[in-house]
Amino acid sequence: MITCFLRYQIDPYKLEEFEHYGKLWIDLVNKMGGDHHGYLLPYEGANNIAYASFSFPSLATYEVYRNELLTNEACQKALEEAKNNGCIISYVRSFMRPVFNGIEDRARI
């Protein structure tokens, strides 16, 4: 499994627009074979930093998603919307290998 972790610098005066963008991508990634883990929006502290993460079974399946989003109408519309409204100033994308289970791997109660 590979997880894409994103750190966004956003326009704090366009938080509503960024949240809408995030909700679009949660649905899009999930529909395209990924598992979106959600967005983390500013609450206290820095008002211009947000995070998101999503996973794919492998780097190869992530690359398929990346190629498909180039021609997917809904994906292109979401990207264009964010570009036009200026809610995203910049972002950094990192790839990580998640660890979800503890040593004892107990069932949650």
PDB file of N, CA and C in Angstrom:
ATOM      1  N   MET A   1       0.847  -1.180   0.000  1.00  0.00           N
ATOM      2  CA  MET A   1       0.000   0.000   0.000  1.00  0.00           C
ATOM      3  C   MET A   1       0.890   1.239   0.000  1.00  0.00           C
ATOM      4  N   ILE A   2       0.425   2.268  -0.730  1.00  0.00           N
ATOM      5  CA  ILE A   2       1.134   3.539  -0.776  1.00  0.00           C
ATOM      6  C   ILE A   2       0.141   4.641  -0.410  1.00  0.00           C
ATOM      7  N   THR A   3       0.576   5.563   0.435  1.00  0.00           N
ATOM      8  CA  THR A   3      -0.280   6.672   0.834  1.00  0.00           C
ATOM      9  C   THR A   3       0.319   7.975   0.340  1.00  0.00           C
ATOM     10  N   CYS A   4      -0.514   8.757  -0.291  1.00  0.00           N
ATOM     11  CA  CYS A   4      -0.139  10.091  -0.731  1.00  0.00           C
ATOM     12  C   CYS A   4      -0.560  11.053   0.370  1.00  0.00           C
ATOM     13  N   PHE A   5       0.407  11.815   0.873  1.00  0.00           N
ATOM     14  CA  PHE A   5       0.162  12.776   1.939  1.00  0.00           C
ATOM     15  C   PHE A   5       0.393  14.162   1.353  1.00  0.00           C
ATOM     16  N   LEU A   6      -0.603  15.028   1.485  1.00  0.00           N
ATOM     17  CA  LEU A   6      -0.528  16.375   0.920  1.00  0.00           C
ATOM     18  C   LEU A   6      -0.559  17.426   2.010  1.00  0.00           C
ATOM     19  N   ARG A   7       0.343  18.392   1.885  1.00  0.00           N
ATOM     20  CA  ARG A   7       0.349  19.574   2.755  1.00  0.00           C
ATOM     21  C   ARG A   7       0.060  20.763   1.856  1.00  0.00           C
ATOM     22  N   TYR A   8      -1.049  21.431   2.135  1.00  0.00           N
ATOM     23  CA  TYR A   8      -1.476  22.572   1.335  1.00  0.00           C
ATOM     24  C   TYR A   8      -1.200  23.875   2.064  1.00  0.00           C
ATOM     25  N   GLN A   9      -0.794  24.879   1.317  1.00  0.00           N
ATOM     26  CA  GLN A   9      -0.859  26.249   1.793  1.00  0.00           C
ATOM     27  C   GLN A   9      -2.086  26.817   1.099  1.00  0.00           C
ATOM     28  N   ILE A  10      -3.036  27.269   1.875  1.00  0.00           N
ATOM     29  CA  ILE A  10      -4.305  27.726   1.311  1.00  0.00           C
ATOM     30  C   ILE A  10      -4.524  29.201   1.633  1.00  0.00           C
ATOM     31  N   ASP A  11      -5.447  29.796   0.905  1.00  0.00           N
ATOM     32  CA  ASP A  11      -5.877  31.160   1.209  1.00  0.00           C
ATOM     33  C   ASP A  11      -6.871  31.063   2.362  1.00  0.00           C
ATOM     34  N   PRO A  12      -6.533  31.581   3.536  1.00  0.00           N
ATOM     35  CA  PRO A  12      -7.427  31.430   4.689  1.00  0.00           C
ATOM     36  C   PRO A  12      -8.779  32.120   4.520  1.00  0.00           C
ATOM     37  N   TYR A  13      -8.882  33.024   3.552  1.00  0.00           N
ATOM     38  CA  TYR A  13     -10.147  33.699   3.301  1.00  0.00           C
ATOM     39  C   TYR A  13     -11.010  32.928   2.298  1.00  0.00           C
ATOM     40  N   LYS A  14     -10.481  31.795   1.840  1.00  0.00           N
ATOM     41  CA  LYS A  14     -11.222  30.955   0.899  1.00  0.00           C
ATOM     42  C   LYS A  14     -11.336  29.524   1.427  1.00  0.00           C
ATOM     43  N   LEU A  15     -11.502  29.413   2.740  1.00  0.00           N
ATOM     44  CA  LEU A  15     -11.599  28.113   3.381  1.00  0.00           C
ATOM     45  C   LEU A  15     -12.834  27.336   2.905  1.00  0.00           C
ATOM     46  N   GLU A  16     -13.936  28.017   2.707  1.00  0.00           N
ATOM     47  CA  GLU A  16     -15.156  27.348   2.236  1.00  0.00           C
ATOM     48  C   GLU A  16     -14.934  26.744   0.845  1.00  0.00           C
ATOM     49  N   GLU A  17     -14.245  27.474  -0.021  1.00  0.00           N
ATOM     50  CA  GLU A  17     -13.956  26.977  -1.359  1.00  0.00           C
ATOM     51  C   GLU A  17     -13.019  25.777  -1.308  1.00  0.00           C
ATOM     52  N   PHE A  18     -12.026  25.841  -0.406  1.00  0.00           N
ATOM     53  CA  PHE A  18     -11.107  24.717  -0.273  1.00  0.00           C
ATOM     54  C   PHE A  18     -11.819  23.489   0.284  1.00  0.00           C
ATOM     55  N   GLU A  19     -12.707  23.678   1.242  1.00  0.00           N
ATOM     56  CA  GLU A  19     -13.453  22.547   1.799  1.00  0.00           C
ATOM     57  C   GLU A  19     -14.305  21.882   0.706  1.00  0.00           C
ATOM     58  N   HIS A  20     -14.918  22.682  -0.140  1.00  0.00           N
ATOM     59  CA  HIS A  20     -15.704  22.135  -1.255  1.00  0.00           C
ATOM     60  C   HIS A  20     -14.801  21.318  -2.182  1.00  0.00           C
ATOM     61  N   TYR A  21     -13.632  21.851  -2.497  1.00  0.00           N
ATOM     62  CA  TYR A  21     -12.642  21.151  -3.318  1.00  0.00           C
ATOM     63  C   TYR A  21     -12.283  19.801  -2.685  1.00  0.00           C
ATOM     64  N   GLY A  22     -12.018  19.802  -1.386  1.00  0.00           N
ATOM     65  CA  GLY A  22     -11.681  18.572  -0.679  1.00  0.00           C
ATOM     66  C   GLY A  22     -12.786  17.539  -0.753  1.00  0.00           C
ATOM     67  N   LYS A  23     -14.017  17.964  -0.567  1.00  0.00           N
ATOM     68  CA  LYS A  23     -15.144  17.031  -0.625  1.00  0.00           C
ATOM     69  C   LYS A  23     -15.288  16.421  -2.017  1.00  0.00           C
ATOM     70  N   LEU A  24     -15.027  17.225  -3.046  1.00  0.00           N
ATOM     71  CA  LEU A  24     -15.057  16.685  -4.413  1.00  0.00           C
ATOM     72  C   LEU A  24     -14.018  15.577  -4.565  1.00  0.00           C
ATOM     73  N   TRP A  25     -12.786  15.825  -4.070  1.00  0.00           N
ATOM     74  CA  TRP A  25     -11.703  14.856  -4.251  1.00  0.00           C
ATOM     75  C   TRP A  25     -11.875  13.607  -3.403  1.00  0.00           C
ATOM     76  N   ILE A  26     -12.513  13.721  -2.260  1.00  0.00           N
ATOM     77  CA  ILE A  26     -12.792  12.516  -1.467  1.00  0.00           C
ATOM     78  C   ILE A  26     -13.626  11.551  -2.308  1.00  0.00           C
ATOM     79  N   ASP A  27     -14.684  12.071  -2.915  1.00  0.00           N
ATOM     80  CA  ASP A  27     -15.538  11.224  -3.758  1.00  0.00           C
ATOM     81  C   ASP A  27     -14.791  10.719  -4.987  1.00  0.00           C
ATOM     82  N   LEU A  28     -14.031  11.587  -5.636  1.00  0.00           N
ATOM     83  CA  LEU A  28     -13.332  11.194  -6.863  1.00  0.00           C
ATOM     84  C   LEU A  28     -12.295  10.100  -6.609  1.00  0.00           C
ATOM     85  N   VAL A  29     -11.473  10.277  -5.591  1.00  0.00           N
ATOM     86  CA  VAL A  29     -10.444   9.268  -5.287  1.00  0.00           C
ATOM     87  C   VAL A  29     -11.094   7.937  -4.951  1.00  0.00           C
ATOM     88  N   ASN A  30     -12.133   7.957  -4.137  1.00  0.00           N
ATOM     89  CA  ASN A  30     -12.808   6.711  -3.764  1.00  0.00           C
ATOM     90  C   ASN A  30     -13.428   6.026  -4.986  1.00  0.00           C
ATOM     91  N   LYS A  31     -14.003   6.804  -5.894  1.00  0.00           N
ATOM     92  CA  LYS A  31     -14.594   6.229  -7.106  1.00  0.00           C
ATOM     93  C   LYS A  31     -13.534   5.667  -8.053  1.00  0.00           C
ATOM     94  N   MET A  32     -12.309   6.180  -7.957  1.00  0.00           N
ATOM     95  CA  MET A  32     -11.255   5.777  -8.884  1.00  0.00           C
ATOM     96  C   MET A  32     -10.326   4.723  -8.280  1.00  0.00           C
ATOM     97  N   GLY A  33     -10.791   4.048  -7.230  1.00  0.00           N
ATOM     98  CA  GLY A  33     -10.052   2.912  -6.696  1.00  0.00           C
ATOM     99  C   GLY A  33      -9.159   3.184  -5.511  1.00  0.00           C
ATOM    100  N   GLY A  34      -9.159   4.409  -5.032  1.00  0.00           N
ATOM    101  CA  GLY A  34      -8.360   4.738  -3.859  1.00  0.00           C
ATOM    102  C   GLY A  34      -9.186   4.692  -2.589  1.00  0.00           C
ATOM    103  N   ASP A  35      -8.543   4.973  -1.494  1.00  0.00           N
ATOM    104  CA  ASP A  35      -9.197   5.045  -0.190  1.00  0.00           C
ATOM    105  C   ASP A  35      -8.795   6.381   0.419  1.00  0.00           C
ATOM    106  N   HIS A  36      -9.693   7.379   0.294  1.00  0.00           N
ATOM    107  CA  HIS A  36      -9.377   8.718   0.799  1.00  0.00           C
ATOM    108  C   HIS A  36      -9.560   8.742   2.305  1.00  0.00           C
ATOM    109  N   HIS A  37      -8.574   9.300   3.008  1.00  0.00           N
ATOM    110  CA  HIS A  37      -8.615   9.360   4.464  1.00  0.00           C
ATOM    111  C   HIS A  37      -9.119  10.704   4.973  1.00  0.00           C
ATOM    112  N   GLY A  38      -9.433  11.608   4.055  1.00  0.00           N
ATOM    113  CA  GLY A  38     -10.028  12.886   4.428  1.00  0.00           C
ATOM    114  C   GLY A  38      -9.054  14.052   4.414  1.00  0.00           C
ATOM    115  N   TYR A  39      -9.600  15.207   4.727  1.00  0.00           N
ATOM    116  CA  TYR A  39      -8.858  16.457   4.794  1.00  0.00           C
ATOM    117  C   TYR A  39      -8.837  16.939   6.234  1.00  0.00           C
ATOM    118  N   LEU A  40      -7.783  17.623   6.587  1.00  0.00           N
ATOM    119  CA  LEU A  40      -7.668  18.278   7.886  1.00  0.00           C
ATOM    120  C   LEU A  40      -7.535  19.767   7.616  1.00  0.00           C
ATOM    121  N   LEU A  41      -8.535  20.520   8.050  1.00  0.00           N
ATOM    122  CA  LEU A  41      -8.580  21.951   7.793  1.00  0.00           C
ATOM    123  C   LEU A  41      -8.142  22.730   9.018  1.00  0.00           C
ATOM    124  N   PRO A  42      -7.689  23.969   8.823  1.00  0.00           N
ATOM    125  CA  PRO A  42      -7.239  24.771   9.964  1.00  0.00           C
ATOM    126  C   PRO A  42      -8.345  24.936  10.999  1.00  0.00           C
ATOM    127  N   TYR A  43      -7.935  24.840  12.240  1.00  0.00           N
ATOM    128  CA  TYR A  43      -8.873  25.059  13.342  1.00  0.00           C
ATOM    129  C   TYR A  43      -8.273  26.051  14.333  1.00  0.00           C
ATOM    130  N   GLU A  44      -7.093  25.714  14.835  1.00  0.00           N
ATOM    131  CA  GLU A  44      -6.381  26.595  15.750  1.00  0.00           C
ATOM    132  C   GLU A  44      -4.916  26.548  15.341  1.00  0.00           C
ATOM    133  N   GLY A  45      -4.224  27.637  15.481  1.00  0.00           N
ATOM    134  CA  GLY A  45      -2.844  27.700  15.021  1.00  0.00           C
ATOM    135  C   GLY A  45      -2.801  28.340  13.649  1.00  0.00           C
ATOM    136  N   ALA A  46      -1.935  27.848  12.786  1.00  0.00           N
ATOM    137  CA  ALA A  46      -1.820  28.407  11.437  1.00  0.00           C
ATOM    138  C   ALA A  46      -3.162  28.316  10.710  1.00  0.00           C
ATOM    139  N   ASN A  47      -3.579  29.427  10.118  1.00  0.00           N
ATOM    140  CA  ASN A  47      -4.878  29.432   9.440  1.00  0.00           C
ATOM    141  C   ASN A  47      -4.764  29.201   7.937  1.00  0.00           C
ATOM    142  N   ASN A  48      -3.564  28.907   7.467  1.00  0.00           N
ATOM    143  CA  ASN A  48      -3.367  28.741   6.030  1.00  0.00           C
ATOM    144  C   ASN A  48      -2.736  27.403   5.650  1.00  0.00           C
ATOM    145  N   ILE A  49      -2.788  26.417   6.545  1.00  0.00           N
ATOM    146  CA  ILE A  49      -2.224  25.094   6.280  1.00  0.00           C
ATOM    147  C   ILE A  49      -3.327  24.051   6.421  1.00  0.00           C
ATOM    148  N   ALA A  50      -3.408  23.155   5.443  1.00  0.00           N
ATOM    149  CA  ALA A  50      -4.369  22.053   5.475  1.00  0.00           C
ATOM    150  C   ALA A  50      -3.650  20.794   5.004  1.00  0.00           C
ATOM    151  N   TYR A  51      -4.212  19.646   5.341  1.00  0.00           N
ATOM    152  CA  TYR A  51      -3.612  18.358   4.989  1.00  0.00           C
ATOM    153  C   TYR A  51      -4.670  17.426   4.408  1.00  0.00           C
ATOM    154  N   ALA A  52      -4.196  16.472   3.633  1.00  0.00           N
ATOM    155  CA  ALA A  52      -5.063  15.410   3.118  1.00  0.00           C
ATOM    156  C   ALA A  52      -4.212  14.173   2.905  1.00  0.00           C
ATOM    157  N   SER A  53      -4.852  13.018   2.928  1.00  0.00           N
ATOM    158  CA  SER A  53      -4.137  11.788   2.587  1.00  0.00           C
ATOM    159  C   SER A  53      -5.112  10.781   2.002  1.00  0.00           C
ATOM    160  N   PHE A  54      -4.563   9.968   1.106  1.00  0.00           N
ATOM    161  CA  PHE A  54      -5.334   8.889   0.507  1.00  0.00           C
ATOM    162  C   PHE A  54      -4.378   7.785   0.105  1.00  0.00           C
ATOM    163  N   SER A  55      -4.899   6.572   0.033  1.00  0.00           N
ATOM    164  CA  SER A  55      -4.061   5.405  -0.253  1.00  0.00           C
ATOM    165  C   SER A  55      -4.549   4.667  -1.488  1.00  0.00           C
ATOM    166  N   PHE A  56      -3.596   3.993  -2.125  1.00  0.00           N
ATOM    167  CA  PHE A  56      -3.858   3.057  -3.209  1.00  0.00           C
ATOM    168  C   PHE A  56      -3.117   1.771  -2.874  1.00  0.00           C
ATOM    169  N   PRO A  57      -3.574   0.644  -3.406  1.00  0.00           N
ATOM    170  CA  PRO A  57      -2.924  -0.629  -3.083  1.00  0.00           C
ATOM    171  C   PRO A  57      -1.431  -0.674  -3.423  1.00  0.00           C
ATOM    172  N   SER A  58      -1.014   0.094  -4.450  1.00  0.00           N
ATOM    173  CA  SER A  58       0.399   0.087  -4.850  1.00  0.00           C
ATOM    174  C   SER A  58       0.704   1.374  -5.603  1.00  0.00           C
ATOM    175  N   LEU A  59       1.983   1.629  -5.814  1.00  0.00           N
ATOM    176  CA  LEU A  59       2.379   2.780  -6.613  1.00  0.00           C
ATOM    177  C   LEU A  59       1.862   2.637  -8.041  1.00  0.00           C
ATOM    178  N   ALA A  60       1.829   1.415  -8.545  1.00  0.00           N
ATOM    179  CA  ALA A  60       1.326   1.173  -9.899  1.00  0.00           C
ATOM    180  C   ALA A  60      -0.150   1.571 -10.014  1.00  0.00           C
ATOM    181  N   THR A  61      -0.973   1.235  -9.021  1.00  0.00           N
ATOM    182  CA  THR A  61      -2.393   1.601  -9.092  1.00  0.00           C
ATOM    183  C   THR A  61      -2.569   3.110  -8.917  1.00  0.00           C
ATOM    184  N   TYR A  62      -1.697   3.730  -8.134  1.00  0.00           N
ATOM    185  CA  TYR A  62      -1.721   5.187  -8.018  1.00  0.00           C
ATOM    186  C   TYR A  62      -1.408   5.819  -9.376  1.00  0.00           C
ATOM    187  N   GLU A  63      -0.425   5.282 -10.087  1.00  0.00           N
ATOM    188  CA  GLU A  63      -0.063   5.820 -11.401  1.00  0.00           C
ATOM    189  C   GLU A  63      -1.216   5.679 -12.396  1.00  0.00           C
ATOM    190  N   VAL A  64      -1.968   4.583 -12.320  1.00  0.00           N
ATOM    191  CA  VAL A  64      -3.156   4.425 -13.167  1.00  0.00           C
ATOM    192  C   VAL A  64      -4.149   5.545 -12.865  1.00  0.00           C
ATOM    193  N   TYR A  65      -4.386   5.789 -11.588  1.00  0.00           N
ATOM    194  CA  TYR A  65      -5.275   6.885 -11.162  1.00  0.00           C
ATOM    195  C   TYR A  65      -4.775   8.226 -11.704  1.00  0.00           C
ATOM    196  N   ARG A  66      -3.487   8.499 -11.563  1.00  0.00           N
ATOM    197  CA  ARG A  66      -2.913   9.775 -12.036  1.00  0.00           C
ATOM    198  C   ARG A  66      -3.120   9.938 -13.545  1.00  0.00           C
ATOM    199  N   ASN A  67      -2.966   8.867 -14.303  1.00  0.00           N
ATOM    200  CA  ASN A  67      -3.180   8.939 -15.748  1.00  0.00           C
ATOM    201  C   ASN A  67      -4.652   9.135 -16.086  1.00  0.00           C
ATOM    202  N   GLU A  68      -5.530   8.453 -15.349  1.00  0.00           N
ATOM    203  CA  GLU A  68      -6.960   8.569 -15.613  1.00  0.00           C
ATOM    204  C   GLU A  68      -7.506   9.952 -15.272  1.00  0.00           C
ATOM    205  N   LEU A  69      -6.968  10.582 -14.230  1.00  0.00           N
ATOM    206  CA  LEU A  69      -7.504  11.888 -13.845  1.00  0.00           C
ATOM    207  C   LEU A  69      -7.221  12.955 -14.898  1.00  0.00           C
ATOM    208  N   LEU A  70      -6.225  12.721 -15.752  1.00  0.00           N
ATOM    209  CA  LEU A  70      -5.906  13.673 -16.811  1.00  0.00           C
ATOM    210  C   LEU A  70      -7.019  13.805 -17.841  1.00  0.00           C
ATOM    211  N   THR A  71      -7.828  12.761 -17.989  1.00  0.00           N
ATOM    212  CA  THR A  71      -8.912  12.788 -18.969  1.00  0.00           C
ATOM    213  C   THR A  71     -10.299  12.690 -18.329  1.00  0.00           C
ATOM    214  N   ASN A  72     -10.343  12.558 -17.013  1.00  0.00           N
ATOM    215  CA  ASN A  72     -11.617  12.454 -16.312  1.00  0.00           C
ATOM    216  C   ASN A  72     -12.236  13.849 -16.192  1.00  0.00           C
ATOM    217  N   GLU A  73     -13.428  14.010 -16.726  1.00  0.00           N
ATOM    218  CA  GLU A  73     -14.081  15.318 -16.755  1.00  0.00           C
ATOM    219  C   GLU A  73     -14.307  15.903 -15.363  1.00  0.00           C
ATOM    220  N   ALA A  74     -14.755  15.089 -14.423  1.00  0.00           N
ATOM    221  CA  ALA A  74     -15.026  15.569 -13.064  1.00  0.00           C
ATOM    222  C   ALA A  74     -13.728  16.008 -12.371  1.00  0.00           C
ATOM    223  N   CYS A  75     -12.651  15.256 -12.576  1.00  0.00           N
ATOM    224  CA  CYS A  75     -11.359  15.624 -11.993  1.00  0.00           C
ATOM    225  C   CYS A  75     -10.860  16.942 -12.559  1.00  0.00           C
ATOM    226  N   GLN A  76     -10.944  17.075 -13.858  1.00  0.00           N
ATOM    227  CA  GLN A  76     -10.479  18.305 -14.501  1.00  0.00           C
ATOM    228  C   GLN A  76     -11.311  19.509 -14.067  1.00  0.00           C
ATOM    229  N   LYS A  77     -12.604  19.304 -13.885  1.00  0.00           N
ATOM    230  CA  LYS A  77     -13.479  20.381 -13.418  1.00  0.00           C
ATOM    231  C   LYS A  77     -13.093  20.818 -12.001  1.00  0.00           C
ATOM    232  N   ALA A  78     -12.813  19.859 -11.126  1.00  0.00           N
ATOM    233  CA  ALA A  78     -12.418  20.178  -9.751  1.00  0.00           C
ATOM    234  C   ALA A  78     -11.098  20.947  -9.724  1.00  0.00           C
ATOM    235  N   LEU A  79     -10.133  20.518 -10.529  1.00  0.00           N
ATOM    236  CA  LEU A  79      -8.842  21.211 -10.591  1.00  0.00           C
ATOM    237  C   LEU A  79      -9.005  22.628 -11.121  1.00  0.00           C
ATOM    238  N   GLU A  80      -9.810  22.783 -12.160  1.00  0.00           N
ATOM    239  CA  GLU A  80     -10.036  24.104 -12.754  1.00  0.00           C
ATOM    240  C   GLU A  80     -10.738  25.037 -11.778  1.00  0.00           C
ATOM    241  N   GLU A  81     -11.697  24.492 -11.035  1.00  0.00           N
ATOM    242  CA  GLU A  81     -12.426  25.297 -10.048  1.00  0.00           C
ATOM    243  C   GLU A  81     -11.472  25.859  -8.994  1.00  0.00           C
ATOM    244  N   ALA A  82     -10.585  25.011  -8.482  1.00  0.00           N
ATOM    245  CA  ALA A  82      -9.624  25.472  -7.470  1.00  0.00           C
ATOM    246  C   ALA A  82      -8.658  26.496  -8.064  1.00  0.00           C
ATOM    247  N   LYS A  83      -8.255  26.276  -9.286  1.00  0.00           N
ATOM    248  CA  LYS A  83      -7.358  27.229  -9.959  1.00  0.00           C
ATOM    249  C   LYS A  83      -8.038  28.587 -10.109  1.00  0.00           C
ATOM    250  N   ASN A  84      -9.291  28.563 -10.532  1.00  0.00           N
ATOM    251  CA  ASN A  84     -10.020  29.807 -10.763  1.00  0.00           C
ATOM    252  C   ASN A  84     -10.354  30.561  -9.485  1.00  0.00           C
ATOM    253  N   ASN A  85     -10.664  29.827  -8.400  1.00  0.00           N
ATOM    254  CA  ASN A  85     -11.029  30.543  -7.172  1.00  0.00           C
ATOM    255  C   ASN A  85      -9.814  30.859  -6.289  1.00  0.00           C
ATOM    256  N   GLY A  86      -8.661  30.284  -6.595  1.00  0.00           N
ATOM    257  CA  GLY A  86      -7.434  30.633  -5.882  1.00  0.00           C
ATOM    258  C   GLY A  86      -7.359  30.159  -4.444  1.00  0.00           C
ATOM    259  N   CYS A  87      -8.108  29.118  -4.089  1.00  0.00           N
ATOM    260  CA  CYS A  87      -8.100  28.653  -2.696  1.00  0.00           C
ATOM    261  C   CYS A  87      -6.792  27.949  -2.321  1.00  0.00           C
ATOM    262  N   ILE A  88      -6.087  27.399  -3.313  1.00  0.00           N
ATOM    263  CA  ILE A  88      -4.817  26.716  -3.053  1.00  0.00           C
ATOM    264  C   ILE A  88      -3.669  27.604  -3.527  1.00  0.00           C
ATOM    265  N   ILE A  89      -2.772  27.919  -2.620  1.00  0.00           N
ATOM    266  CA  ILE A  89      -1.598  28.717  -2.977  1.00  0.00           C
ATOM    267  C   ILE A  89      -0.485  27.792  -3.461  1.00  0.00           C
ATOM    268  N   SER A  90      -0.252  26.712  -2.720  1.00  0.00           N
ATOM    269  CA  SER A  90       0.754  25.724  -3.109  1.00  0.00           C
ATOM    270  C   SER A  90       0.488  24.435  -2.349  1.00  0.00           C
ATOM    271  N   TYR A  91       1.169  23.371  -2.771  1.00  0.00           N
ATOM    272  CA  TYR A  91       1.052  22.109  -2.054  1.00  0.00           C
ATOM    273  C   TYR A  91       2.326  21.303  -2.247  1.00  0.00           C
ATOM    274  N   VAL A  92       2.549  20.397  -1.303  1.00  0.00           N
ATOM    275  CA  VAL A  92       3.660  19.455  -1.360  1.00  0.00           C
ATOM    276  C   VAL A  92       3.060  18.067  -1.235  1.00  0.00           C
ATOM    277  N   ARG A  93       3.458  17.187  -2.145  1.00  0.00           N
ATOM    278  CA  ARG A  93       2.940  15.817  -2.155  1.00  0.00           C
ATOM    279  C   ARG A  93       4.075  14.875  -1.772  1.00  0.00           C
ATOM    280  N   SER A  94       3.827  14.027  -0.778  1.00  0.00           N
ATOM    281  CA  SER A  94       4.800  13.025  -0.338  1.00  0.00           C
ATOM    282  C   SER A  94       4.142  11.655  -0.384  1.00  0.00           C
ATOM    283  N   PHE A  95       4.944  10.641  -0.590  1.00  0.00           N
ATOM    284  CA  PHE A  95       4.430   9.269  -0.608  1.00  0.00           C
ATOM    285  C   PHE A  95       5.011   8.514   0.569  1.00  0.00           C
ATOM    286  N   MET A  96       4.143   7.811   1.268  1.00  0.00           N
ATOM    287  CA  MET A  96       4.533   7.128   2.489  1.00  0.00           C
ATOM    288  C   MET A  96       3.932   5.735   2.538  1.00  0.00           C
ATOM    289  N   ARG A  97       4.508   4.924   3.367  1.00  0.00           N
ATOM    290  CA  ARG A  97       4.000   3.570   3.610  1.00  0.00           C
ATOM    291  C   ARG A  97       3.339   3.586   4.982  1.00  0.00           C
ATOM    292  N   PRO A  98       2.021   3.415   5.035  1.00  0.00           N
ATOM    293  CA  PRO A  98       1.331   3.518   6.320  1.00  0.00           C
ATOM    294  C   PRO A  98       1.505   2.283   7.199  1.00  0.00           C
ATOM    295  N   VAL A  99       1.428   2.523   8.495  1.00  0.00           N
ATOM    296  CA  VAL A  99       1.380   1.456   9.494  1.00  0.00           C
ATOM    297  C   VAL A  99       0.099   1.708  10.284  1.00  0.00           C
ATOM    298  N   PHE A 100      -0.861   0.806  10.140  1.00  0.00           N
ATOM    299  CA  PHE A 100      -2.160   0.991  10.776  1.00  0.00           C
ATOM    300  C   PHE A 100      -2.371   0.126  12.015  1.00  0.00           C
ATOM    301  N   ASN A 101      -1.621  -0.949  12.171  1.00  0.00           N
ATOM    302  CA  ASN A 101      -1.863  -1.872  13.274  1.00  0.00           C
ATOM    303  C   ASN A 101      -0.732  -1.838  14.278  1.00  0.00           C
ATOM    304  N   GLY A 102      -1.107  -1.979  15.550  1.00  0.00           N
ATOM    305  CA  GLY A 102      -0.120  -2.070  16.605  1.00  0.00           C
ATOM    306  C   GLY A 102       0.458  -3.478  16.688  1.00  0.00           C
ATOM    307  N   ILE A 103       1.410  -3.645  17.572  1.00  0.00           N
ATOM    308  CA  ILE A 103       2.068  -4.939  17.735  1.00  0.00           C
ATOM    309  C   ILE A 103       1.066  -6.008  18.136  1.00  0.00           C
ATOM    310  N   GLU A 104       0.170  -5.655  19.035  1.00  0.00           N
ATOM    311  CA  GLU A 104      -0.787  -6.644  19.523  1.00  0.00           C
ATOM    312  C   GLU A 104      -1.978  -6.809  18.597  1.00  0.00           C
ATOM    313  N   ASP A 105      -2.213  -5.861  17.696  1.00  0.00           N
ATOM    314  CA  ASP A 105      -3.262  -5.928  16.688  1.00  0.00           C
ATOM    315  C   ASP A 105      -4.592  -6.401  17.276  1.00  0.00           C
ATOM    316  N   ARG A 106      -5.011  -5.757  18.341  1.00  0.00           N
ATOM    317  CA  ARG A 106      -6.278  -6.111  18.998  1.00  0.00           C
ATOM    318  C   ARG A 106      -7.450  -5.525  18.247  1.00  0.00           C
ATOM    319  N   ALA A 107      -8.571  -6.184  18.332  1.00  0.00           N
ATOM    320  CA  ALA A 107      -9.805  -5.657  17.770  1.00  0.00           C
ATOM    321  C   ALA A 107     -10.230  -4.451  18.621  1.00  0.00           C
ATOM    322  N   ARG A 108     -10.717  -3.427  17.972  1.00  0.00           N
ATOM    323  CA  ARG A 108     -11.174  -2.232  18.710  1.00  0.00           C
ATOM    324  C   ARG A 108     -12.528  -2.489  19.332  1.00  0.00           C
ATOM    325  N   ILE A 109     -12.660  -1.977  20.509  1.00  0.00           N
ATOM    326  CA  ILE A 109     -13.926  -2.173  21.264  1.00  0.00           C
ATOM    327  C   ILE A 109     -14.793  -0.951  21.086  1.00  0.00           C
TER     328      ILE A 109
END
